[in-house]
Amino acid sequence: MQISDGKTSLEEDLMWSDVVVASRSSGLFDATLAGRRAVVYTAHFPAPEDDTFLSSLPSITTFEELDQ
């Protein structure tokens, strides 16, 4: 697993990433448009219920769940 260092743009990060994990972020929409797997991280945030797009994505509470 590699995590972005935050020094590059989202567009650059999307070029090398296979999956994008975030809590409620428009970056998940960008990831989907770029053909990347987008996953909502809900360990410290409730699962999105009021947003049709975010609630359509898979969600995880631990990063180990990405292997499943």
PDB file of N, CA and C in Angstrom:
ATOM      1  N   MET A   1       0.852  -1.166   0.000  1.00  0.00           N
ATOM      2  CA  MET A   1       0.000   0.000   0.000  1.00  0.00           C
ATOM      3  C   MET A   1       0.899   1.231   0.000  1.00  0.00           C
ATOM      4  N   GLN A   2       0.525   2.186  -0.797  1.00  0.00           N
ATOM      5  CA  GLN A   2       1.215   3.465  -0.831  1.00  0.00           C
ATOM      6  C   GLN A   2       0.189   4.550  -0.589  1.00  0.00           C
ATOM      7  N   ILE A   3       0.558   5.512   0.216  1.00  0.00           N
ATOM      8  CA  ILE A   3      -0.346   6.610   0.547  1.00  0.00           C
ATOM      9  C   ILE A   3       0.233   7.888  -0.014  1.00  0.00           C
ATOM     10  N   SER A   4      -0.606   8.712  -0.584  1.00  0.00           N
ATOM     11  CA  SER A   4      -0.164   9.988  -1.131  1.00  0.00           C
ATOM     12  C   SER A   4       0.482  10.834  -0.039  1.00  0.00           C
ATOM     13  N   ASP A   5       1.547  11.517  -0.396  1.00  0.00           N
ATOM     14  CA  ASP A   5       2.216  12.390   0.567  1.00  0.00           C
ATOM     15  C   ASP A   5       1.576  13.766   0.650  1.00  0.00           C
ATOM     16  N   GLY A   6       0.590  14.029  -0.189  1.00  0.00           N
ATOM     17  CA  GLY A   6      -0.111  15.299  -0.168  1.00  0.00           C
ATOM     18  C   GLY A   6       0.621  16.419  -0.872  1.00  0.00           C
ATOM     19  N   LYS A   7       1.792  16.134  -1.438  1.00  0.00           N
ATOM     20  CA  LYS A   7       2.566  17.168  -2.127  1.00  0.00           C
ATOM     21  C   LYS A   7       2.255  17.221  -3.618  1.00  0.00           C
ATOM     22  N   THR A   8       1.558  16.211  -4.107  1.00  0.00           N
ATOM     23  CA  THR A   8       1.200  16.178  -5.520  1.00  0.00           C
ATOM     24  C   THR A   8      -0.286  16.472  -5.673  1.00  0.00           C
ATOM     25  N   SER A   9      -0.677  16.802  -6.869  1.00  0.00           N
ATOM     26  CA  SER A   9      -2.087  17.109  -7.118  1.00  0.00           C
ATOM     27  C   SER A   9      -2.909  15.822  -7.130  1.00  0.00           C
ATOM     28  N   LEU A  10      -4.185  15.966  -6.966  1.00  0.00           N
ATOM     29  CA  LEU A  10      -5.085  14.812  -7.031  1.00  0.00           C
ATOM     30  C   LEU A  10      -4.972  14.126  -8.383  1.00  0.00           C
ATOM     31  N   GLU A  11      -4.858  14.907  -9.440  1.00  0.00           N
ATOM     32  CA  GLU A  11      -4.746  14.335 -10.785  1.00  0.00           C
ATOM     33  C   GLU A  11      -3.508  13.444 -10.897  1.00  0.00           C
ATOM     34  N   GLU A  12      -2.378  13.890 -10.346  1.00  0.00           N
ATOM     35  CA  GLU A  12      -1.158  13.079 -10.377  1.00  0.00           C
ATOM     36  C   GLU A  12      -1.324  11.814  -9.542  1.00  0.00           C
ATOM     37  N   ASP A  13      -1.948  11.949  -8.373  1.00  0.00           N
ATOM     38  CA  ASP A  13      -2.177  10.779  -7.525  1.00  0.00           C
ATOM     39  C   ASP A  13      -3.085   9.762  -8.208  1.00  0.00           C
ATOM     40  N   LEU A  14      -4.089  10.237  -8.932  1.00  0.00           N
ATOM     41  CA  LEU A  14      -5.005   9.320  -9.616  1.00  0.00           C
ATOM     42  C   LEU A  14      -4.308   8.540 -10.724  1.00  0.00           C
ATOM     43  N   MET A  15      -3.246   9.096 -11.284  1.00  0.00           N
ATOM     44  CA  MET A  15      -2.529   8.405 -12.354  1.00  0.00           C
ATOM     45  C   MET A  15      -1.888   7.112 -11.861  1.00  0.00           C
ATOM     46  N   TRP A  16      -1.396   7.072 -10.632  1.00  0.00           N
ATOM     47  CA  TRP A  16      -0.703   5.883 -10.142  1.00  0.00           C
ATOM     48  C   TRP A  16      -1.547   5.034  -9.191  1.00  0.00           C
ATOM     49  N   SER A  17      -2.680   5.527  -8.750  1.00  0.00           N
ATOM     50  CA  SER A  17      -3.455   4.783  -7.755  1.00  0.00           C
ATOM     51  C   SER A  17      -4.365   3.732  -8.386  1.00  0.00           C
ATOM     52  N   ASP A  18      -4.602   2.678  -7.631  1.00  0.00           N
ATOM     53  CA  ASP A  18      -5.559   1.646  -8.018  1.00  0.00           C
ATOM     54  C   ASP A  18      -6.889   1.858  -7.311  1.00  0.00           C
ATOM     55  N   VAL A  19      -6.813   2.361  -6.094  1.00  0.00           N
ATOM     56  CA  VAL A  19      -8.001   2.576  -5.278  1.00  0.00           C
ATOM     57  C   VAL A  19      -7.842   3.897  -4.535  1.00  0.00           C
ATOM     58  N   VAL A  20      -8.940   4.613  -4.378  1.00  0.00           N
ATOM     59  CA  VAL A  20      -8.947   5.859  -3.620  1.00  0.00           C
ATOM     60  C   VAL A  20      -9.894   5.669  -2.446  1.00  0.00           C
ATOM     61  N   VAL A  21      -9.371   5.896  -1.246  1.00  0.00           N
ATOM     62  CA  VAL A  21     -10.158   5.752  -0.024  1.00  0.00           C
ATOM     63  C   VAL A  21     -10.243   7.125   0.631  1.00  0.00           C
ATOM     64  N   ALA A  22     -11.446   7.540   0.946  1.00  0.00           N
ATOM     65  CA  ALA A  22     -11.645   8.837   1.595  1.00  0.00           C
ATOM     66  C   ALA A  22     -12.959   8.813   2.363  1.00  0.00           C
ATOM     67  N   SER A  23     -13.084   9.705   3.337  1.00  0.00           N
ATOM     68  CA  SER A  23     -14.383   9.865   3.990  1.00  0.00           C
ATOM     69  C   SER A  23     -15.220  10.746   3.065  1.00  0.00           C
ATOM     70  N   ARG A  24     -15.967  11.552   3.290  1.00  0.00           N
ATOM     71  CA  ARG A  24     -16.841  12.259   2.346  1.00  0.00           C
ATOM     72  C   ARG A  24     -16.051  13.274   1.524  1.00  0.00           C
ATOM     73  N   SER A  25     -15.598  12.877   0.350  1.00  0.00           N
ATOM     74  CA  SER A  25     -14.744  13.741  -0.460  1.00  0.00           C
ATOM     75  C   SER A  25     -15.160  13.723  -1.924  1.00  0.00           C
ATOM     76  N   SER A  26     -15.079  14.870  -2.563  1.00  0.00           N
ATOM     77  CA  SER A  26     -15.345  14.916  -3.998  1.00  0.00           C
ATOM     78  C   SER A  26     -14.256  14.187  -4.775  1.00  0.00           C
ATOM     79  N   GLY A  27     -13.127  13.907  -4.110  1.00  0.00           N
ATOM     80  CA  GLY A  27     -12.071  13.124  -4.740  1.00  0.00           C
ATOM     81  C   GLY A  27     -12.539  11.729  -5.120  1.00  0.00           C
ATOM     82  N   LEU A  28     -13.525  11.215  -4.421  1.00  0.00           N
ATOM     83  CA  LEU A  28     -14.080   9.904  -4.770  1.00  0.00           C
ATOM     84  C   LEU A  28     -14.801   9.960  -6.111  1.00  0.00           C
ATOM     85  N   PHE A  29     -15.460  11.059  -6.386  1.00  0.00           N
ATOM     86  CA  PHE A  29     -16.109  11.246  -7.682  1.00  0.00           C
ATOM     87  C   PHE A  29     -15.054  11.346  -8.777  1.00  0.00           C
ATOM     88  N   ASP A  30     -13.989  12.115  -8.513  1.00  0.00           N
ATOM     89  CA  ASP A  30     -12.890  12.228  -9.474  1.00  0.00           C
ATOM     90  C   ASP A  30     -12.254  10.872  -9.735  1.00  0.00           C
ATOM     91  N   ALA A  31     -12.074  10.081  -8.691  1.00  0.00           N
ATOM     92  CA  ALA A  31     -11.494   8.746  -8.844  1.00  0.00           C
ATOM     93  C   ALA A  31     -12.368   7.870  -9.735  1.00  0.00           C
ATOM     94  N   THR A  32     -13.660   7.926  -9.524  1.00  0.00           N
ATOM     95  CA  THR A  32     -14.587   7.144 -10.334  1.00  0.00           C
ATOM     96  C   THR A  32     -14.519   7.563 -11.801  1.00  0.00           C
ATOM     97  N   LEU A  33     -14.473   8.873 -12.029  1.00  0.00           N
ATOM     98  CA  LEU A  33     -14.365   9.362 -13.412  1.00  0.00           C
ATOM     99  C   LEU A  33     -13.060   8.913 -14.070  1.00  0.00           C
ATOM    100  N   ALA A  34     -12.002   8.768 -13.264  1.00  0.00           N
ATOM    101  CA  ALA A  34     -10.705   8.343 -13.784  1.00  0.00           C
ATOM    102  C   ALA A  34     -10.607   6.823 -13.913  1.00  0.00           C
ATOM    103  N   GLY A  35     -11.695   6.118 -13.568  1.00  0.00           N
ATOM    104  CA  GLY A  35     -11.699   4.667 -13.688  1.00  0.00           C
ATOM    105  C   GLY A  35     -11.029   3.949 -12.534  1.00  0.00           C
ATOM    106  N   ARG A  36     -10.862   4.627 -11.415  1.00  0.00           N
ATOM    107  CA  ARG A  36     -10.248   4.026 -10.236  1.00  0.00           C
ATOM    108  C   ARG A  36     -11.323   3.534  -9.286  1.00  0.00           C
ATOM    109  N   ARG A  37     -10.977   2.539  -8.505  1.00  0.00           N
ATOM    110  CA  ARG A  37     -11.887   2.033  -7.483  1.00  0.00           C
ATOM    111  C   ARG A  37     -11.996   3.077  -6.375  1.00  0.00           C
ATOM    112  N   ALA A  38     -13.197   3.445  -6.000  1.00  0.00           N
ATOM    113  CA  ALA A  38     -13.436   4.449  -4.962  1.00  0.00           C
ATOM    114  C   ALA A  38     -14.153   3.792  -3.789  1.00  0.00           C
ATOM    115  N   VAL A  39     -13.640   4.044  -2.576  1.00  0.00           N
ATOM    116  CA  VAL A  39     -14.187   3.428  -1.376  1.00  0.00           C
ATOM    117  C   VAL A  39     -14.344   4.495  -0.299  1.00  0.00           C
ATOM    118  N   VAL A  40     -15.481   4.480   0.384  1.00  0.00           N
ATOM    119  CA  VAL A  40     -15.757   5.437   1.456  1.00  0.00           C
ATOM    120  C   VAL A  40     -15.248   4.859   2.771  1.00  0.00           C
ATOM    121  N   TYR A  41     -14.423   5.634   3.471  1.00  0.00           N
ATOM    122  CA  TYR A  41     -13.874   5.235   4.772  1.00  0.00           C
ATOM    123  C   TYR A  41     -14.785   5.767   5.873  1.00  0.00           C
ATOM    124  N   THR A  42     -15.340   4.877   6.686  1.00  0.00           N
ATOM    125  CA  THR A  42     -16.349   5.282   7.673  1.00  0.00           C
ATOM    126  C   THR A  42     -15.954   4.985   9.117  1.00  0.00           C
ATOM    127  N   ALA A  43     -14.665   4.790   9.398  1.00  0.00           N
ATOM    128  CA  ALA A  43     -14.256   4.457  10.768  1.00  0.00           C
ATOM    129  C   ALA A  43     -14.613   5.559  11.759  1.00  0.00           C
ATOM    130  N   HIS A  44     -14.446   6.800  11.373  1.00  0.00           N
ATOM    131  CA  HIS A  44     -14.703   7.914  12.287  1.00  0.00           C
ATOM    132  C   HIS A  44     -15.839   8.811  11.814  1.00  0.00           C
ATOM    133  N   PHE A  45     -16.513   8.367  10.775  1.00  0.00           N
ATOM    134  CA  PHE A  45     -17.597   9.148  10.196  1.00  0.00           C
ATOM    135  C   PHE A  45     -18.752   8.205   9.903  1.00  0.00           C
ATOM    136  N   PRO A  46     -19.973   8.635  10.062  1.00  0.00           N
ATOM    137  CA  PRO A  46     -21.101   7.752   9.717  1.00  0.00           C
ATOM    138  C   PRO A  46     -21.144   7.498   8.206  1.00  0.00           C
ATOM    139  N   ALA A  47     -21.646   6.357   7.847  1.00  0.00           N
ATOM    140  CA  ALA A  47     -21.807   6.041   6.425  1.00  0.00           C
ATOM    141  C   ALA A  47     -22.732   7.058   5.778  1.00  0.00           C
ATOM    142  N   PRO A  48     -22.416   7.487   4.566  1.00  0.00           N
ATOM    143  CA  PRO A  48     -23.263   8.486   3.908  1.00  0.00           C
ATOM    144  C   PRO A  48     -24.620   7.897   3.531  1.00  0.00           C
ATOM    145  N   GLU A  49     -25.672   8.552   3.962  1.00  0.00           N
ATOM    146  CA  GLU A  49     -27.018   8.106   3.620  1.00  0.00           C
ATOM    147  C   GLU A  49     -27.761   9.154   2.808  1.00  0.00           C
ATOM    148  N   ASP A  50     -27.293  10.390   2.901  1.00  0.00           N
ATOM    149  CA  ASP A  50     -28.004  11.486   2.260  1.00  0.00           C
ATOM    150  C   ASP A  50     -27.425  11.855   0.896  1.00  0.00           C
ATOM    151  N   ASP A  51     -26.444  11.128   0.437  1.00  0.00           N
ATOM    152  CA  ASP A  51     -25.807  11.417  -0.841  1.00  0.00           C
ATOM    153  C   ASP A  51     -25.893  10.175  -1.724  1.00  0.00           C
ATOM    154  N   THR A  52     -26.601  10.272  -2.815  1.00  0.00           N
ATOM    155  CA  THR A  52     -26.823   9.116  -3.676  1.00  0.00           C
ATOM    156  C   THR A  52     -25.524   8.546  -4.206  1.00  0.00           C
ATOM    157  N   PHE A  53     -24.613   9.401  -4.661  1.00  0.00           N
ATOM    158  CA  PHE A  53     -23.348   8.905  -5.209  1.00  0.00           C
ATOM    159  C   PHE A  53     -22.516   8.205  -4.138  1.00  0.00           C
ATOM    160  N   LEU A  54     -22.262   8.870  -3.003  1.00  0.00           N
ATOM    161  CA  LEU A  54     -21.429   8.270  -1.965  1.00  0.00           C
ATOM    162  C   LEU A  54     -22.040   6.995  -1.405  1.00  0.00           C
ATOM    163  N   SER A  55     -23.340   6.962  -1.250  1.00  0.00           N
ATOM    164  CA  SER A  55     -23.963   5.755  -0.701  1.00  0.00           C
ATOM    165  C   SER A  55     -23.965   4.612  -1.701  1.00  0.00           C
ATOM    166  N   SER A  56     -23.679   4.905  -2.974  1.00  0.00           N
ATOM    167  CA  SER A  56     -23.589   3.836  -3.967  1.00  0.00           C
ATOM    168  C   SER A  56     -22.223   3.146  -3.959  1.00  0.00           C
ATOM    169  N   LEU A  57     -21.245   3.738  -3.276  1.00  0.00           N
ATOM    170  CA  LEU A  57     -19.898   3.181  -3.230  1.00  0.00           C
ATOM    171  C   LEU A  57     -19.755   2.203  -2.071  1.00  0.00           C
ATOM    172  N   PRO A  58     -18.831   1.247  -2.197  1.00  0.00           N
ATOM    173  CA  PRO A  58     -18.560   0.382  -1.045  1.00  0.00           C
ATOM    174  C   PRO A  58     -17.938   1.200   0.078  1.00  0.00           C
ATOM    175  N   SER A  59     -18.118   0.750   1.306  1.00  0.00           N
ATOM    176  CA  SER A  59     -17.521   1.449   2.441  1.00  0.00           C
ATOM    177  C   SER A  59     -16.752   0.462   3.303  1.00  0.00           C
ATOM    178  N   ILE A  60     -15.739   0.981   4.002  1.00  0.00           N
ATOM    179  CA  ILE A  60     -14.919   0.176   4.914  1.00  0.00           C
ATOM    180  C   ILE A  60     -14.717   0.940   6.203  1.00  0.00           C
ATOM    181  N   THR A  61     -14.380   0.210   7.280  1.00  0.00           N
ATOM    182  CA  THR A  61     -14.020   0.844   8.534  1.00  0.00           C
ATOM    183  C   THR A  61     -12.563   0.572   8.891  1.00  0.00           C
ATOM    184  N   THR A  62     -11.930  -0.394   8.212  1.00  0.00           N
ATOM    185  CA  THR A  62     -10.502  -0.678   8.395  1.00  0.00           C
ATOM    186  C   THR A  62      -9.886  -0.905   7.019  1.00  0.00           C
ATOM    187  N   PHE A  63      -8.613  -0.603   6.890  1.00  0.00           N
ATOM    188  CA  PHE A  63      -7.953  -0.777   5.613  1.00  0.00           C
ATOM    189  C   PHE A  63      -7.754  -2.247   5.254  1.00  0.00           C
ATOM    190  N   GLU A  64      -7.780  -3.123   6.239  1.00  0.00           N
ATOM    191  CA  GLU A  64      -7.685  -4.555   5.973  1.00  0.00           C
ATOM    192  C   GLU A  64      -8.863  -5.043   5.124  1.00  0.00           C
ATOM    193  N   GLU A  65      -9.971  -4.344   5.195  1.00  0.00           N
ATOM    194  CA  GLU A  65     -11.152  -4.719   4.413  1.00  0.00           C
ATOM    195  C   GLU A  65     -10.929  -4.545   2.905  1.00  0.00           C
ATOM    196  N   LEU A  66      -9.914  -3.794   2.500  1.00  0.00           N
ATOM    197  CA  LEU A  66      -9.641  -3.620   1.076  1.00  0.00           C
ATOM    198  C   LEU A  66      -9.231  -4.926   0.418  1.00  0.00           C
ATOM    199  N   ASP A  67      -8.677  -5.854   1.191  1.00  0.00           N
ATOM    200  CA  ASP A  67      -8.256  -7.145   0.638  1.00  0.00           C
ATOM    201  C   ASP A  67      -9.419  -8.090   0.384  1.00  0.00           C
ATOM    202  N   GLN A  68     -10.589  -7.746   0.865  1.00  0.00           N
ATOM    203  CA  GLN A  68     -11.744  -8.650   0.736  1.00  0.00           C
ATOM    204  C   GLN A  68     -12.473  -8.429  -0.563  1.00  0.00           C
TER     205      GLN A  68
END
